[in-house]
N, C-alpha and C. Protein backbone atom coordinates (compact mmCIF):
# COMPACT_ATOMS: atom_id res chain seq x y z
N MET A 1 -58.78 159.61 -84.23
CA MET A 1 -59.38 158.50 -83.56
C MET A 1 -59.79 157.42 -84.55
N ASP A 2 -60.23 157.85 -85.72
CA ASP A 2 -60.62 156.87 -86.72
C ASP A 2 -59.42 156.02 -87.13
N ALA A 3 -58.28 156.67 -87.34
CA ALA A 3 -57.07 155.94 -87.72
C ALA A 3 -56.65 154.98 -86.61
N PHE A 4 -56.75 155.42 -85.35
CA PHE A 4 -56.40 154.57 -84.22
C PHE A 4 -57.29 153.33 -84.20
N CYS A 5 -58.59 153.53 -84.41
CA CYS A 5 -59.53 152.41 -84.40
C CYS A 5 -59.25 151.45 -85.56
N ARG A 6 -58.93 151.98 -86.73
CA ARG A 6 -58.62 151.12 -87.87
C ARG A 6 -57.38 150.28 -87.60
N ILE A 7 -56.34 150.90 -87.05
CA ILE A 7 -55.10 150.17 -86.74
C ILE A 7 -55.37 149.10 -85.68
N ALA A 8 -56.14 149.47 -84.65
CA ALA A 8 -56.47 148.50 -83.60
C ALA A 8 -57.24 147.31 -84.18
N CYS A 9 -58.19 147.59 -85.05
CA CYS A 9 -58.97 146.51 -85.68
C CYS A 9 -58.07 145.63 -86.55
N ASP A 10 -57.16 146.25 -87.29
CA ASP A 10 -56.23 145.49 -88.12
C ASP A 10 -55.35 144.58 -87.28
N GLU A 11 -55.08 144.98 -86.05
CA GLU A 11 -54.23 144.18 -85.15
C GLU A 11 -55.04 143.18 -84.33
N GLY A 12 -56.35 143.11 -84.59
CA GLY A 12 -57.17 142.12 -83.92
C GLY A 12 -57.89 142.59 -82.68
N HIS A 13 -57.94 143.90 -82.46
CA HIS A 13 -58.63 144.46 -81.30
C HIS A 13 -59.80 145.31 -81.81
N PRO A 14 -61.00 144.75 -81.85
CA PRO A 14 -62.15 145.48 -82.40
C PRO A 14 -62.57 146.64 -81.51
N ILE A 15 -62.18 147.83 -81.91
CA ILE A 15 -62.50 149.05 -81.17
C ILE A 15 -63.18 150.01 -82.14
N THR A 16 -64.27 150.60 -81.70
CA THR A 16 -64.96 151.61 -82.51
C THR A 16 -64.87 152.96 -81.80
N MET A 17 -65.09 154.03 -82.54
CA MET A 17 -65.09 155.36 -81.92
C MET A 17 -66.20 155.46 -80.90
N GLU A 18 -67.34 154.87 -81.21
CA GLU A 18 -68.45 154.89 -80.25
C GLU A 18 -68.05 154.20 -78.95
N GLY A 19 -67.34 153.10 -79.08
CA GLY A 19 -66.88 152.38 -77.90
C GLY A 19 -65.90 153.19 -77.07
N LEU A 20 -65.02 153.92 -77.75
CA LEU A 20 -64.07 154.77 -77.03
C LEU A 20 -64.79 155.88 -76.28
N PHE A 21 -65.77 156.51 -76.92
CA PHE A 21 -66.54 157.56 -76.25
C PHE A 21 -67.29 157.00 -75.05
N ALA A 22 -67.88 155.81 -75.22
CA ALA A 22 -68.62 155.19 -74.12
C ALA A 22 -67.69 154.87 -72.95
N MET A 23 -66.49 154.36 -73.25
CA MET A 23 -65.53 154.08 -72.18
C MET A 23 -65.11 155.35 -71.47
N GLY A 24 -64.91 156.42 -72.22
CA GLY A 24 -64.53 157.70 -71.63
C GLY A 24 -65.63 158.24 -70.74
N GLN A 25 -66.87 158.13 -71.19
CA GLN A 25 -68.01 158.60 -70.40
C GLN A 25 -68.13 157.79 -69.12
N GLU A 26 -67.98 156.48 -69.23
CA GLU A 26 -68.07 155.61 -68.05
C GLU A 26 -66.95 155.93 -67.06
N TYR A 27 -65.74 156.17 -67.58
CA TYR A 27 -64.62 156.52 -66.71
C TYR A 27 -64.89 157.83 -65.97
N ARG A 28 -65.39 158.83 -66.70
CA ARG A 28 -65.70 160.12 -66.10
C ARG A 28 -66.77 159.98 -65.02
N ASP A 29 -67.82 159.22 -65.34
CA ASP A 29 -68.90 159.02 -64.38
C ASP A 29 -68.41 158.33 -63.11
N ASN A 30 -67.61 157.28 -63.28
CA ASN A 30 -67.09 156.57 -62.11
C ASN A 30 -66.16 157.45 -61.29
N GLN A 31 -65.36 158.27 -61.95
CA GLN A 31 -64.45 159.16 -61.24
C GLN A 31 -65.25 160.18 -60.43
N CYS A 32 -66.29 160.73 -61.02
CA CYS A 32 -67.11 161.73 -60.33
C CYS A 32 -67.85 161.11 -59.15
N LYS A 33 -68.36 159.89 -59.33
CA LYS A 33 -69.08 159.22 -58.25
C LYS A 33 -68.16 159.00 -57.05
N SER A 34 -66.90 158.69 -57.31
CA SER A 34 -66.00 158.38 -56.22
C SER A 34 -65.49 159.62 -55.51
N THR A 35 -65.60 160.79 -56.14
CA THR A 35 -65.03 162.00 -55.53
C THR A 35 -66.06 163.05 -55.14
N ASN A 36 -67.30 162.89 -55.58
CA ASN A 36 -68.26 163.95 -55.32
C ASN A 36 -69.60 163.40 -54.82
N GLY A 37 -69.58 162.28 -54.18
CA GLY A 37 -70.80 161.74 -53.62
C GLY A 37 -71.81 161.25 -54.63
N GLY A 38 -71.41 161.05 -55.86
CA GLY A 38 -72.30 160.49 -56.85
C GLY A 38 -73.21 161.47 -57.55
N SER A 39 -72.89 162.74 -57.51
CA SER A 39 -73.72 163.73 -58.20
C SER A 39 -73.75 163.43 -59.70
N PRO A 40 -74.91 163.45 -60.33
CA PRO A 40 -74.97 163.14 -61.76
C PRO A 40 -74.26 164.17 -62.62
N ASN A 41 -74.18 165.41 -62.18
CA ASN A 41 -73.48 166.46 -62.92
C ASN A 41 -72.57 167.23 -61.98
N PRO A 42 -71.52 166.61 -61.48
CA PRO A 42 -70.71 167.26 -60.46
C PRO A 42 -69.97 168.49 -60.96
N TYR A 43 -69.62 168.50 -62.26
CA TYR A 43 -68.85 169.63 -62.76
C TYR A 43 -69.69 170.90 -62.82
N ASP A 44 -71.01 170.77 -62.83
CA ASP A 44 -71.87 171.94 -62.82
C ASP A 44 -71.78 172.69 -61.49
N SER A 45 -71.40 171.98 -60.43
CA SER A 45 -71.39 172.60 -59.11
C SER A 45 -70.03 173.18 -58.73
N PHE A 46 -68.99 172.91 -59.52
CA PHE A 46 -67.67 173.45 -59.20
C PHE A 46 -67.61 174.91 -59.63
N GLU A 47 -67.10 175.74 -58.77
CA GLU A 47 -67.00 177.16 -59.10
C GLU A 47 -65.75 177.42 -59.93
N ASN A 48 -65.85 178.35 -60.83
CA ASN A 48 -64.73 178.79 -61.62
C ASN A 48 -64.13 179.98 -60.89
N THR A 49 -62.94 179.80 -60.32
CA THR A 49 -62.32 180.84 -59.50
C THR A 49 -62.11 182.13 -60.27
N TYR A 50 -61.65 182.03 -61.51
CA TYR A 50 -61.41 183.21 -62.33
C TYR A 50 -62.71 183.97 -62.59
N GLU A 51 -63.77 183.22 -62.93
CA GLU A 51 -65.06 183.86 -63.20
C GLU A 51 -65.61 184.50 -61.92
N THR A 52 -65.46 183.84 -60.79
CA THR A 52 -65.92 184.40 -59.52
C THR A 52 -65.18 185.69 -59.20
N PHE A 53 -63.88 185.71 -59.45
CA PHE A 53 -63.08 186.90 -59.22
C PHE A 53 -63.55 188.05 -60.09
N LEU A 54 -63.75 187.80 -61.37
CA LEU A 54 -64.20 188.86 -62.29
C LEU A 54 -65.59 189.37 -61.90
N ASN A 55 -66.46 188.49 -61.47
CA ASN A 55 -67.79 188.91 -61.05
C ASN A 55 -67.73 189.77 -59.81
N SER A 56 -66.75 189.54 -58.94
CA SER A 56 -66.64 190.32 -57.72
C SER A 56 -66.15 191.74 -57.99
N LEU A 57 -65.48 191.93 -59.14
CA LEU A 57 -65.01 193.27 -59.49
C LEU A 57 -66.18 194.14 -59.88
């Protein structure tokens, strides 16, 4: 990611790793809001089918 940011900056597009992480977080948050009613931690509520199966054994 550091190399990507350096190349982007050299080409005139000021991008930092912090900015990339922030954009990724914002994308994830917006995606979750649109599909799960806006839960702040929607992935915490999704069940892991494999884990549920093993627990049932």
